[in-house]
N, C-alpha and C. Protein backbone atom coordinates (compact mmCIF):
# COMPACT_ATOMS: atom_id res chain seq x y z
N MET A 1 -1.62 -57.29 11.04
CA MET A 1 -2.53 -56.15 10.94
C MET A 1 -1.95 -55.06 10.08
N GLY A 2 -0.61 -54.93 10.14
CA GLY A 2 0.03 -53.93 9.29
C GLY A 2 -0.19 -54.24 7.81
N GLU A 3 -0.11 -55.51 7.45
CA GLU A 3 -0.33 -55.91 6.06
C GLU A 3 -1.81 -55.74 5.68
N MET A 4 -2.72 -56.05 6.61
CA MET A 4 -4.14 -55.85 6.33
C MET A 4 -4.45 -54.36 6.14
N LYS A 5 -3.78 -53.52 6.92
CA LYS A 5 -3.97 -52.08 6.77
C LYS A 5 -3.54 -51.61 5.39
N LYS A 6 -2.45 -52.21 4.87
CA LYS A 6 -2.00 -51.85 3.52
C LYS A 6 -3.09 -52.18 2.50
N LEU A 7 -3.73 -53.34 2.66
CA LEU A 7 -4.81 -53.73 1.74
C LEU A 7 -5.97 -52.74 1.82
N PHE A 8 -6.26 -52.27 3.02
CA PHE A 8 -7.31 -51.27 3.19
C PHE A 8 -6.92 -49.97 2.49
N ASP A 9 -5.68 -49.53 2.73
CA ASP A 9 -5.22 -48.27 2.12
C ASP A 9 -5.19 -48.35 0.61
N GLU A 10 -5.00 -49.56 0.07
CA GLU A 10 -4.99 -49.75 -1.38
C GLU A 10 -6.40 -49.93 -1.95
N GLY A 11 -7.40 -49.90 -1.08
CA GLY A 11 -8.78 -50.03 -1.53
C GLY A 11 -9.20 -51.45 -1.88
N LYS A 12 -8.42 -52.43 -1.46
CA LYS A 12 -8.73 -53.83 -1.80
C LYS A 12 -9.68 -54.48 -0.80
N ILE A 13 -9.77 -53.93 0.39
CA ILE A 13 -10.73 -54.41 1.38
C ILE A 13 -11.39 -53.19 2.04
N LYS A 14 -12.58 -53.42 2.60
CA LYS A 14 -13.30 -52.31 3.24
C LYS A 14 -13.27 -52.39 4.76
N TYR A 15 -13.23 -53.61 5.28
CA TYR A 15 -13.31 -53.79 6.72
C TYR A 15 -12.34 -54.88 7.17
N ILE A 16 -12.00 -54.83 8.44
CA ILE A 16 -11.14 -55.86 9.02
C ILE A 16 -11.81 -56.39 10.28
N GLY A 17 -11.89 -57.71 10.39
CA GLY A 17 -12.47 -58.34 11.56
C GLY A 17 -11.55 -59.40 12.12
N LEU A 18 -11.83 -59.82 13.34
CA LEU A 18 -11.05 -60.86 14.01
C LEU A 18 -12.00 -61.95 14.49
N SER A 19 -11.46 -63.12 14.73
CA SER A 19 -12.26 -64.22 15.27
C SER A 19 -11.48 -64.91 16.38
N GLU A 20 -12.17 -65.20 17.48
CA GLU A 20 -11.58 -65.90 18.62
C GLU A 20 -10.28 -65.22 19.08
N ALA A 21 -10.32 -63.90 19.16
CA ALA A 21 -9.14 -63.14 19.60
C ALA A 21 -9.28 -62.75 21.07
N SER A 22 -8.18 -62.71 21.78
CA SER A 22 -8.20 -62.29 23.18
C SER A 22 -8.39 -60.77 23.25
N ALA A 23 -8.72 -60.28 24.44
CA ALA A 23 -8.94 -58.84 24.62
C ALA A 23 -7.68 -58.04 24.28
N SER A 24 -6.53 -58.53 24.72
CA SER A 24 -5.29 -57.78 24.46
C SER A 24 -4.94 -57.79 22.98
N THR A 25 -5.20 -58.90 22.30
CA THR A 25 -4.95 -58.96 20.86
C THR A 25 -5.87 -57.99 20.12
N ILE A 26 -7.13 -57.91 20.55
CA ILE A 26 -8.07 -56.98 19.94
C ILE A 26 -7.57 -55.55 20.10
N ARG A 27 -7.09 -55.21 21.29
CA ARG A 27 -6.59 -53.86 21.52
C ARG A 27 -5.38 -53.56 20.65
N ARG A 28 -4.46 -54.51 20.55
CA ARG A 28 -3.25 -54.29 19.75
C ARG A 28 -3.60 -54.14 18.28
N ALA A 29 -4.52 -54.98 17.81
CA ALA A 29 -4.91 -54.90 16.40
C ALA A 29 -5.63 -53.59 16.11
N HIS A 30 -6.52 -53.20 17.01
CA HIS A 30 -7.32 -51.99 16.83
C HIS A 30 -6.44 -50.74 16.82
N ALA A 31 -5.30 -50.81 17.52
CA ALA A 31 -4.37 -49.68 17.55
C ALA A 31 -3.68 -49.49 16.20
N VAL A 32 -3.58 -50.57 15.41
CA VAL A 32 -2.96 -50.49 14.08
C VAL A 32 -3.96 -50.02 13.05
N HIS A 33 -5.17 -50.59 13.12
CA HIS A 33 -6.26 -50.20 12.22
C HIS A 33 -7.58 -50.55 12.89
N PRO A 34 -8.61 -49.70 12.77
CA PRO A 34 -9.89 -49.99 13.43
C PRO A 34 -10.46 -51.36 13.04
N ILE A 35 -10.83 -52.11 14.05
CA ILE A 35 -11.47 -53.40 13.84
C ILE A 35 -12.97 -53.18 13.76
N SER A 36 -13.61 -53.70 12.73
CA SER A 36 -15.05 -53.50 12.56
C SER A 36 -15.87 -54.48 13.37
N ALA A 37 -15.40 -55.74 13.43
CA ALA A 37 -16.18 -56.76 14.13
C ALA A 37 -15.27 -57.85 14.67
N VAL A 38 -15.71 -58.44 15.76
CA VAL A 38 -15.04 -59.60 16.34
C VAL A 38 -16.05 -60.73 16.40
N GLN A 39 -15.68 -61.86 15.83
CA GLN A 39 -16.53 -63.04 15.86
C GLN A 39 -16.13 -63.90 17.05
N LEU A 40 -17.13 -64.28 17.84
CA LEU A 40 -16.86 -65.10 19.01
C LEU A 40 -18.08 -65.96 19.32
N GLU A 41 -17.84 -67.04 20.05
CA GLU A 41 -18.96 -67.89 20.45
C GLU A 41 -19.59 -67.29 21.70
N TRP A 42 -20.90 -67.03 21.59
CA TRP A 42 -21.61 -66.41 22.71
C TRP A 42 -23.02 -66.94 22.76
N SER A 43 -23.36 -67.55 23.83
CA SER A 43 -24.72 -68.08 24.03
C SER A 43 -24.95 -68.24 25.52
N LEU A 44 -26.12 -68.74 25.88
CA LEU A 44 -26.41 -68.95 27.29
C LEU A 44 -25.44 -69.92 27.95
N TRP A 45 -24.80 -70.79 27.15
CA TRP A 45 -23.85 -71.70 27.80
C TRP A 45 -22.42 -71.50 27.33
N SER A 46 -22.16 -70.37 26.69
CA SER A 46 -20.79 -69.98 26.35
C SER A 46 -20.64 -68.50 26.67
N ARG A 47 -20.37 -68.22 27.95
CA ARG A 47 -20.40 -66.85 28.42
C ARG A 47 -19.05 -66.35 28.93
N ASP A 48 -17.99 -67.11 28.69
CA ASP A 48 -16.68 -66.70 29.20
C ASP A 48 -16.17 -65.41 28.56
N VAL A 49 -16.72 -65.05 27.39
CA VAL A 49 -16.27 -63.84 26.70
C VAL A 49 -16.77 -62.57 27.38
N GLU A 50 -17.71 -62.73 28.31
CA GLU A 50 -18.31 -61.56 28.94
C GLU A 50 -17.37 -60.85 29.91
N GLU A 51 -16.36 -61.55 30.37
CA GLU A 51 -15.48 -60.96 31.39
C GLU A 51 -14.57 -59.88 30.81
N ASP A 52 -13.90 -60.16 29.71
CA ASP A 52 -12.94 -59.20 29.15
C ASP A 52 -13.22 -58.81 27.71
N ILE A 53 -13.59 -59.80 26.87
CA ILE A 53 -13.67 -59.55 25.43
C ILE A 53 -14.85 -58.66 25.07
N VAL A 54 -16.03 -58.97 25.58
CA VAL A 54 -17.21 -58.15 25.26
C VAL A 54 -17.03 -56.72 25.76
N PRO A 55 -16.58 -56.50 27.00
CA PRO A 55 -16.36 -55.11 27.43
C PRO A 55 -15.33 -54.37 26.58
N THR A 56 -14.29 -55.09 26.13
CA THR A 56 -13.27 -54.47 25.28
C THR A 56 -13.87 -54.01 23.96
N CYS A 57 -14.70 -54.88 23.35
CA CYS A 57 -15.34 -54.53 22.08
C CYS A 57 -16.26 -53.33 22.25
N ARG A 58 -16.98 -53.31 23.35
CA ARG A 58 -17.89 -52.18 23.58
C ARG A 58 -17.13 -50.88 23.82
N GLU A 59 -16.05 -50.98 24.54
CA GLU A 59 -15.24 -49.78 24.80
C GLU A 59 -14.69 -49.20 23.51
N LEU A 60 -14.27 -50.07 22.60
CA LEU A 60 -13.63 -49.63 21.36
C LEU A 60 -14.62 -49.43 20.21
N GLY A 61 -15.89 -49.69 20.46
CA GLY A 61 -16.90 -49.50 19.41
C GLY A 61 -16.85 -50.56 18.33
N ILE A 62 -16.50 -51.78 18.71
CA ILE A 62 -16.37 -52.89 17.76
C ILE A 62 -17.63 -53.75 17.80
N GLY A 63 -18.16 -54.09 16.64
CA GLY A 63 -19.32 -54.96 16.57
C GLY A 63 -18.97 -56.39 16.95
N ILE A 64 -19.96 -57.12 17.45
CA ILE A 64 -19.76 -58.51 17.87
C ILE A 64 -20.64 -59.42 17.03
N VAL A 65 -20.03 -60.40 16.40
CA VAL A 65 -20.75 -61.41 15.64
C VAL A 65 -20.74 -62.69 16.48
N ALA A 66 -21.89 -63.01 17.05
CA ALA A 66 -21.99 -64.14 17.98
C ALA A 66 -22.37 -65.42 17.24
N TYR A 67 -21.41 -66.33 17.11
CA TYR A 67 -21.73 -67.59 16.45
C TYR A 67 -22.14 -68.64 17.50
N SER A 68 -22.83 -69.65 17.03
CA SER A 68 -23.39 -70.70 17.90
C SER A 68 -24.22 -70.12 19.04
N PRO A 69 -25.14 -69.18 18.74
CA PRO A 69 -25.94 -68.59 19.82
C PRO A 69 -26.94 -69.57 20.43
N LEU A 70 -27.11 -70.72 19.79
CA LEU A 70 -28.02 -71.74 20.33
C LEU A 70 -27.25 -72.88 20.99
N GLY A 71 -26.00 -72.62 21.36
CA GLY A 71 -25.23 -73.64 22.05
C GLY A 71 -25.03 -74.90 21.22
N ARG A 72 -24.56 -74.70 19.98
CA ARG A 72 -24.35 -75.84 19.06
C ARG A 72 -25.64 -76.60 18.80
N GLY A 73 -26.76 -75.88 18.91
CA GLY A 73 -28.06 -76.51 18.67
C GLY A 73 -28.70 -77.10 19.91
N PHE A 74 -27.99 -77.06 21.05
CA PHE A 74 -28.49 -77.69 22.26
C PHE A 74 -29.80 -77.05 22.73
N PHE A 75 -29.93 -75.72 22.55
CA PHE A 75 -31.14 -75.05 23.02
C PHE A 75 -32.30 -75.18 22.04
N SER A 76 -32.10 -75.95 21.00
CA SER A 76 -33.22 -76.24 20.10
C SER A 76 -34.01 -77.45 20.59
N SER A 77 -33.31 -78.45 21.13
CA SER A 77 -34.03 -79.66 21.55
C SER A 77 -33.43 -80.34 22.77
N GLY A 78 -32.43 -79.74 23.38
CA GLY A 78 -31.86 -80.31 24.59
C GLY A 78 -31.14 -81.62 24.34
N PRO A 79 -31.20 -82.55 25.30
CA PRO A 79 -30.47 -83.81 25.18
C PRO A 79 -30.90 -84.67 23.99
N LYS A 80 -32.10 -84.44 23.47
CA LYS A 80 -32.55 -85.18 22.28
C LYS A 80 -31.63 -84.93 21.09
N LEU A 81 -31.05 -83.72 21.07
CA LEU A 81 -30.12 -83.39 19.99
C LEU A 81 -28.99 -84.40 19.94
N VAL A 82 -28.42 -84.71 21.09
CA VAL A 82 -27.29 -85.62 21.15
C VAL A 82 -27.69 -87.01 20.66
N GLU A 83 -28.89 -87.44 21.03
CA GLU A 83 -29.37 -88.76 20.62
C GLU A 83 -29.50 -88.88 19.11
N ASN A 84 -29.76 -87.76 18.45
CA ASN A 84 -30.02 -87.78 17.01
C ASN A 84 -28.83 -87.37 16.15
N LEU A 85 -27.69 -87.15 16.77
CA LEU A 85 -26.51 -86.77 16.00
C LEU A 85 -25.97 -87.97 15.22
N SER A 86 -25.53 -87.72 14.00
CA SER A 86 -24.94 -88.78 13.21
C SER A 86 -23.57 -89.15 13.77
N GLN A 87 -23.08 -90.29 13.42
CA GLN A 87 -21.81 -90.78 13.96
C GLN A 87 -20.64 -89.87 13.63
N ASP A 88 -20.72 -89.19 12.49
CA ASP A 88 -19.60 -88.34 12.08
C ASP A 88 -19.80 -86.88 12.48
N ASP A 89 -20.82 -86.59 13.28
CA ASP A 89 -21.06 -85.21 13.72
C ASP A 89 -20.01 -84.85 14.78
N TYR A 90 -19.28 -83.77 14.54
CA TYR A 90 -18.19 -83.37 15.43
C TYR A 90 -18.67 -83.06 16.85
N ARG A 91 -19.95 -82.73 16.97
CA ARG A 91 -20.47 -82.37 18.30
C ARG A 91 -20.45 -83.53 19.27
N LYS A 92 -20.40 -84.74 18.76
CA LYS A 92 -20.30 -85.90 19.64
C LYS A 92 -19.02 -85.87 20.48
N ASP A 93 -18.01 -85.18 19.97
CA ASP A 93 -16.73 -85.12 20.68
C ASP A 93 -16.60 -83.90 21.59
N LEU A 94 -17.59 -83.03 21.58
CA LEU A 94 -17.51 -81.84 22.43
C LEU A 94 -17.80 -82.23 23.88
N PRO A 95 -16.96 -81.78 24.81
CA PRO A 95 -17.12 -82.17 26.22
C PRO A 95 -18.51 -81.93 26.80
N ARG A 96 -19.17 -80.89 26.37
CA ARG A 96 -20.48 -80.57 26.96
C ARG A 96 -21.56 -81.58 26.57
N PHE A 97 -21.28 -82.35 25.52
CA PHE A 97 -22.23 -83.38 25.10
C PHE A 97 -21.86 -84.76 25.64
N HIS A 98 -20.77 -84.87 26.37
CA HIS A 98 -20.37 -86.15 26.94
C HIS A 98 -21.33 -86.52 28.07
N PRO A 99 -21.57 -87.81 28.26
CA PRO A 99 -22.55 -88.25 29.27
C PRO A 99 -22.31 -87.68 30.66
N GLU A 100 -21.05 -87.55 31.07
CA GLU A 100 -20.78 -87.08 32.43
C GLU A 100 -21.16 -85.61 32.63
N ASN A 101 -21.30 -84.86 31.53
CA ASN A 101 -21.70 -83.45 31.61
C ASN A 101 -23.13 -83.21 31.17
N LEU A 102 -23.65 -84.13 30.38
CA LEU A 102 -24.95 -83.91 29.74
C LEU A 102 -26.09 -83.81 30.75
N LYS A 103 -26.01 -84.56 31.84
CA LYS A 103 -27.09 -84.53 32.82
C LYS A 103 -27.26 -83.14 33.41
N ASP A 104 -26.16 -82.53 33.86
CA ASP A 104 -26.23 -81.18 34.42
C ASP A 104 -26.67 -80.16 33.37
N ASN A 105 -26.14 -80.28 32.16
CA ASN A 105 -26.50 -79.35 31.11
C ASN A 105 -27.95 -79.51 30.68
N SER A 106 -28.47 -80.74 30.78
CA SER A 106 -29.87 -80.98 30.46
C SER A 106 -30.78 -80.27 31.45
N ASN A 107 -30.34 -80.18 32.69
CA ASN A 107 -31.12 -79.45 33.69
C ASN A 107 -31.24 -77.98 33.33
N ILE A 108 -30.16 -77.43 32.78
CA ILE A 108 -30.19 -76.04 32.33
C ILE A 108 -31.22 -75.88 31.22
N PHE A 109 -31.20 -76.81 30.28
CA PHE A 109 -32.16 -76.75 29.17
C PHE A 109 -33.59 -76.81 29.69
N GLU A 110 -33.87 -77.69 30.64
CA GLU A 110 -35.23 -77.84 31.16
C GLU A 110 -35.70 -76.56 31.84
N ARG A 111 -34.81 -75.91 32.55
CA ARG A 111 -35.19 -74.67 33.23
C ARG A 111 -35.42 -73.53 32.23
N VAL A 112 -34.60 -73.50 31.18
CA VAL A 112 -34.81 -72.52 30.11
C VAL A 112 -36.12 -72.82 29.40
N ASN A 113 -36.41 -74.09 29.19
CA ASN A 113 -37.63 -74.50 28.52
C ASN A 113 -38.87 -74.05 29.29
N LYS A 114 -38.80 -74.12 30.61
CA LYS A 114 -39.93 -73.68 31.43
C LYS A 114 -40.19 -72.18 31.28
N ILE A 115 -39.12 -71.42 31.22
CA ILE A 115 -39.28 -69.98 31.01
C ILE A 115 -39.85 -69.71 29.62
N ALA A 116 -39.39 -70.47 28.63
CA ALA A 116 -39.89 -70.32 27.26
C ALA A 116 -41.39 -70.59 27.20
N ALA A 117 -41.82 -71.64 27.90
CA ALA A 117 -43.25 -71.97 27.93
C ALA A 117 -44.05 -70.82 28.56
N ARG A 118 -43.48 -70.24 29.58
CA ARG A 118 -44.12 -69.10 30.24
C ARG A 118 -44.21 -67.90 29.31
N LYS A 119 -43.20 -67.75 28.43
CA LYS A 119 -43.16 -66.63 27.50
C LYS A 119 -43.93 -66.91 26.21
N GLY A 120 -44.34 -68.18 26.01
CA GLY A 120 -45.05 -68.53 24.79
C GLY A 120 -44.15 -68.63 23.57
N CYS A 121 -42.92 -69.07 23.79
CA CYS A 121 -41.97 -69.24 22.68
C CYS A 121 -41.24 -70.55 22.86
N THR A 122 -40.38 -70.89 21.92
CA THR A 122 -39.59 -72.11 22.03
C THR A 122 -38.30 -71.81 22.81
N PRO A 123 -37.65 -72.84 23.36
CA PRO A 123 -36.39 -72.59 24.07
C PRO A 123 -35.32 -72.00 23.16
N SER A 124 -35.31 -72.40 21.90
CA SER A 124 -34.31 -71.83 20.98
C SER A 124 -34.59 -70.35 20.72
N GLN A 125 -35.86 -69.98 20.62
CA GLN A 125 -36.19 -68.56 20.43
C GLN A 125 -35.79 -67.75 21.66
N LEU A 126 -36.00 -68.34 22.82
CA LEU A 126 -35.63 -67.65 24.06
C LEU A 126 -34.12 -67.46 24.15
N ALA A 127 -33.36 -68.52 23.84
CA ALA A 127 -31.90 -68.44 23.89
C ALA A 127 -31.37 -67.43 22.88
N LEU A 128 -31.98 -67.41 21.70
CA LEU A 128 -31.56 -66.46 20.66
C LEU A 128 -31.93 -65.03 21.05
N ALA A 129 -33.12 -64.88 21.65
CA ALA A 129 -33.54 -63.55 22.10
C ALA A 129 -32.59 -63.01 23.16
N TRP A 130 -32.10 -63.91 24.01
CA TRP A 130 -31.16 -63.47 25.05
C TRP A 130 -29.92 -62.84 24.42
N VAL A 131 -29.41 -63.45 23.35
CA VAL A 131 -28.25 -62.88 22.66
C VAL A 131 -28.63 -61.56 21.99
N HIS A 132 -29.80 -61.51 21.36
CA HIS A 132 -30.28 -60.28 20.72
C HIS A 132 -30.32 -59.12 21.72
N HIS A 133 -30.70 -59.42 22.95
CA HIS A 133 -30.86 -58.38 23.96
C HIS A 133 -29.53 -57.90 24.55
N GLN A 134 -28.42 -58.42 24.06
CA GLN A 134 -27.12 -58.00 24.58
C GLN A 134 -26.70 -56.63 24.07
N GLY A 135 -27.40 -56.12 23.06
CA GLY A 135 -27.08 -54.77 22.57
C GLY A 135 -27.14 -54.66 21.06
N SER A 136 -27.22 -53.43 20.59
CA SER A 136 -27.37 -53.19 19.15
C SER A 136 -26.08 -53.51 18.38
N ASN A 137 -24.97 -53.65 19.10
CA ASN A 137 -23.71 -53.96 18.41
C ASN A 137 -23.47 -55.46 18.32
N VAL A 138 -24.48 -56.28 18.72
CA VAL A 138 -24.34 -57.74 18.71
C VAL A 138 -25.23 -58.33 17.63
N CYS A 139 -24.62 -59.15 16.77
CA CYS A 139 -25.37 -59.80 15.70
C CYS A 139 -25.18 -61.32 15.81
N PRO A 140 -26.17 -62.05 16.31
CA PRO A 140 -26.05 -63.52 16.39
C PRO A 140 -26.21 -64.15 15.01
N ILE A 141 -25.47 -65.22 14.77
CA ILE A 141 -25.57 -65.92 13.48
C ILE A 141 -25.81 -67.41 13.74
N PRO A 142 -27.06 -67.79 13.99
CA PRO A 142 -27.35 -69.21 14.20
C PRO A 142 -27.20 -70.00 12.91
N GLY A 143 -26.61 -71.19 13.02
CA GLY A 143 -26.51 -72.06 11.86
C GLY A 143 -27.89 -72.55 11.47
N THR A 144 -28.28 -72.37 10.22
CA THR A 144 -29.63 -72.71 9.79
C THR A 144 -29.59 -73.45 8.46
N THR A 145 -30.14 -74.65 8.46
CA THR A 145 -30.14 -75.46 7.23
C THR A 145 -31.55 -75.75 6.72
N LYS A 146 -32.57 -75.39 7.52
CA LYS A 146 -33.95 -75.68 7.12
C LYS A 146 -34.79 -74.40 7.22
N ILE A 147 -35.75 -74.27 6.28
CA ILE A 147 -36.61 -73.09 6.24
C ILE A 147 -37.38 -72.94 7.54
N GLU A 148 -37.87 -74.07 8.09
CA GLU A 148 -38.64 -73.97 9.33
C GLU A 148 -37.79 -73.44 10.49
N ASN A 149 -36.51 -73.80 10.48
CA ASN A 149 -35.62 -73.28 11.52
C ASN A 149 -35.36 -71.78 11.31
N LEU A 150 -35.24 -71.38 10.05
CA LEU A 150 -35.05 -69.96 9.75
C LEU A 150 -36.25 -69.16 10.25
N ASN A 151 -37.45 -69.65 9.98
CA ASN A 151 -38.65 -68.94 10.42
C ASN A 151 -38.73 -68.88 11.95
N GLN A 152 -38.33 -69.97 12.59
CA GLN A 152 -38.35 -69.98 14.05
C GLN A 152 -37.32 -69.00 14.61
N ASN A 153 -36.15 -68.96 13.99
CA ASN A 153 -35.13 -68.02 14.44
C ASN A 153 -35.60 -66.57 14.29
N MET A 154 -36.27 -66.29 13.19
CA MET A 154 -36.79 -64.94 12.98
C MET A 154 -37.84 -64.59 14.02
N GLY A 155 -38.57 -65.60 14.48
CA GLY A 155 -39.57 -65.37 15.52
C GLY A 155 -38.96 -64.91 16.83
N ALA A 156 -37.68 -65.18 17.01
CA ALA A 156 -37.00 -64.73 18.24
C ALA A 156 -36.95 -63.22 18.35
N LEU A 157 -37.07 -62.53 17.22
CA LEU A 157 -37.04 -61.06 17.23
C LEU A 157 -38.26 -60.49 17.96
N SER A 158 -39.31 -61.30 18.04
CA SER A 158 -40.53 -60.83 18.70
C SER A 158 -40.55 -61.13 20.20
N VAL A 159 -39.56 -61.85 20.67
CA VAL A 159 -39.50 -62.21 22.09
C VAL A 159 -38.82 -61.08 22.86
N LYS A 160 -39.56 -60.44 23.72
CA LYS A 160 -39.04 -59.32 24.52
C LYS A 160 -38.73 -59.81 25.93
N LEU A 161 -37.57 -59.47 26.42
CA LEU A 161 -37.14 -59.90 27.74
C LEU A 161 -36.93 -58.70 28.66
N THR A 162 -37.44 -58.80 29.86
CA THR A 162 -37.24 -57.75 30.86
C THR A 162 -35.86 -57.94 31.50
N PRO A 163 -35.35 -56.91 32.14
CA PRO A 163 -34.08 -57.08 32.87
C PRO A 163 -34.14 -58.22 33.88
N GLU A 164 -35.30 -58.41 34.50
CA GLU A 164 -35.46 -59.48 35.48
C GLU A 164 -35.37 -60.85 34.81
N GLU A 165 -35.96 -60.96 33.62
CA GLU A 165 -35.91 -62.23 32.89
C GLU A 165 -34.50 -62.51 32.38
N MET A 166 -33.81 -61.47 31.96
CA MET A 166 -32.41 -61.64 31.54
C MET A 166 -31.58 -62.16 32.70
N ALA A 167 -31.78 -61.55 33.87
CA ALA A 167 -31.03 -61.97 35.06
C ALA A 167 -31.39 -63.40 35.46
N GLU A 168 -32.65 -63.77 35.30
CA GLU A 168 -33.08 -65.13 35.64
C GLU A 168 -32.39 -66.15 34.74
N LEU A 169 -32.34 -65.87 33.45
CA LEU A 169 -31.67 -66.76 32.51
C LEU A 169 -30.17 -66.86 32.81
N GLU A 170 -29.57 -65.74 33.13
CA GLU A 170 -28.13 -65.72 33.39
C GLU A 170 -27.78 -66.46 34.68
N ALA A 171 -28.69 -66.44 35.64
CA ALA A 171 -28.46 -67.19 36.87
C ALA A 171 -28.55 -68.69 36.61
N ILE A 172 -29.47 -69.08 35.73
CA ILE A 172 -29.63 -70.50 35.39
C ILE A 172 -28.40 -71.00 34.63
N ALA A 173 -27.95 -70.19 33.69
CA ALA A 173 -26.84 -70.60 32.81
C ALA A 173 -25.57 -69.82 33.15
N SER A 174 -25.18 -69.84 34.39
CA SER A 174 -23.95 -69.16 34.79
C SER A 174 -22.74 -69.94 34.27
N VAL A 175 -21.60 -69.28 34.28
CA VAL A 175 -20.37 -69.93 33.80
C VAL A 175 -20.09 -71.20 34.60
N ASP A 176 -20.37 -71.17 35.90
CA ASP A 176 -20.10 -72.32 36.76
C ASP A 176 -21.13 -73.44 36.58
N ALA A 177 -22.34 -73.08 36.15
CA ALA A 177 -23.41 -74.08 36.03
C ALA A 177 -23.21 -74.99 34.83
N VAL A 178 -22.65 -74.45 33.75
CA VAL A 178 -22.44 -75.25 32.53
C VAL A 178 -21.25 -76.18 32.72
N LYS A 179 -21.45 -77.45 32.45
CA LYS A 179 -20.40 -78.44 32.67
C LYS A 179 -19.72 -78.82 31.34
N GLY A 180 -18.38 -78.87 31.40
CA GLY A 180 -17.60 -79.24 30.22
C GLY A 180 -17.07 -78.03 29.48
N ASP A 181 -15.91 -78.20 28.86
CA ASP A 181 -15.32 -77.13 28.06
C ASP A 181 -16.06 -76.99 26.73
N ARG A 182 -15.85 -75.86 26.07
CA ARG A 182 -16.46 -75.66 24.75
C ARG A 182 -15.95 -76.69 23.75
N TYR A 183 -14.64 -76.87 23.74
CA TYR A 183 -13.99 -77.79 22.79
C TYR A 183 -13.08 -78.74 23.54
N GLY A 184 -12.62 -79.75 22.81
CA GLY A 184 -11.61 -80.63 23.36
C GLY A 184 -10.26 -79.94 23.36
N ALA A 185 -9.27 -80.60 23.90
CA ALA A 185 -7.95 -80.00 24.07
C ALA A 185 -7.26 -79.67 22.74
N ASN A 186 -7.67 -80.32 21.65
CA ASN A 186 -6.97 -80.14 20.38
C ASN A 186 -7.50 -78.97 19.57
N LEU A 187 -8.55 -78.30 20.03
CA LEU A 187 -9.12 -77.19 19.27
C LEU A 187 -8.89 -75.88 20.03
N PRO A 188 -8.18 -74.94 19.45
CA PRO A 188 -7.86 -73.69 20.14
C PRO A 188 -9.04 -72.72 20.18
N THR A 189 -9.07 -71.87 21.18
CA THR A 189 -10.05 -70.79 21.29
C THR A 189 -9.28 -69.50 21.56
N TRP A 190 -10.01 -68.45 21.91
CA TRP A 190 -9.35 -67.18 22.21
C TRP A 190 -8.38 -67.31 23.38
N LYS A 191 -8.60 -68.30 24.23
CA LYS A 191 -7.71 -68.49 25.37
C LYS A 191 -6.32 -68.96 24.94
N ASP A 192 -6.25 -69.54 23.73
CA ASP A 192 -4.98 -70.05 23.22
C ASP A 192 -4.39 -69.16 22.13
N SER A 193 -4.99 -67.99 21.93
CA SER A 193 -4.61 -67.19 20.77
C SER A 193 -3.90 -65.89 21.13
N GLU A 194 -3.35 -65.83 22.33
CA GLU A 194 -2.66 -64.61 22.74
C GLU A 194 -1.49 -64.33 21.81
N THR A 195 -1.46 -63.15 21.24
CA THR A 195 -0.38 -62.78 20.33
C THR A 195 0.89 -62.50 21.12
N PRO A 196 2.01 -63.10 20.74
CA PRO A 196 3.27 -62.86 21.47
C PRO A 196 3.66 -61.37 21.41
N PRO A 197 4.31 -60.86 22.42
CA PRO A 197 4.77 -59.46 22.38
C PRO A 197 5.64 -59.21 21.17
N LEU A 198 5.50 -58.06 20.59
CA LEU A 198 6.27 -57.72 19.38
C LEU A 198 7.77 -57.82 19.65
N SER A 199 8.17 -57.52 20.88
CA SER A 199 9.59 -57.54 21.22
C SER A 199 10.16 -58.97 21.15
N SER A 200 9.30 -59.96 21.18
CA SER A 200 9.78 -61.35 21.14
C SER A 200 9.95 -61.87 19.72
N TRP A 201 9.51 -61.11 18.73
CA TRP A 201 9.58 -61.56 17.35
C TRP A 201 11.00 -61.40 16.82
N GLU A 202 11.40 -62.33 15.99
CA GLU A 202 12.69 -62.22 15.33
C GLU A 202 12.52 -61.50 14.00
N ALA A 203 13.50 -60.71 13.64
CA ALA A 203 13.43 -59.97 12.38
C ALA A 203 13.46 -60.95 11.22
């Protein structure tokens, strides 16, 4: 962060952001130079960041860039997504798409889908709207490769959720309800990115 601050002071960069950083790392980095945004995975089925990281960002006035707000595409079509993945699609290796977890996670999708039908929108629009409703400092970035998906994602801006509906969705997709880890053991997340204490560094 000290080196990044030098680049800022030299006018070579305008902003500094972090990705998959722990709450303590965010605080340490922000103390050296203001962090503009933190990128993290946040969706109805990736909510572990809500305990420490999201509150830390809000306390420090840091924007949140929420990637995979549709649960790696799961809230677009549910278990059908897995059936249509190509052999080389990395999502086949994600624990949440494994057969032993997919049944429980499919139940979550079906319950979200019922609420979407009640709201007159698609499940993906509902899931995206849920992220939108997390606050003005949150910017979801759904992966989009088709114009029709882009238009559908934009339609999520018109989906208004009441506090009761937000709570209903959160009860359906609680941290305990979602089965399987985000990634396999070989892919690190913010849980594996704790910065060692400065006192432990060698000169």
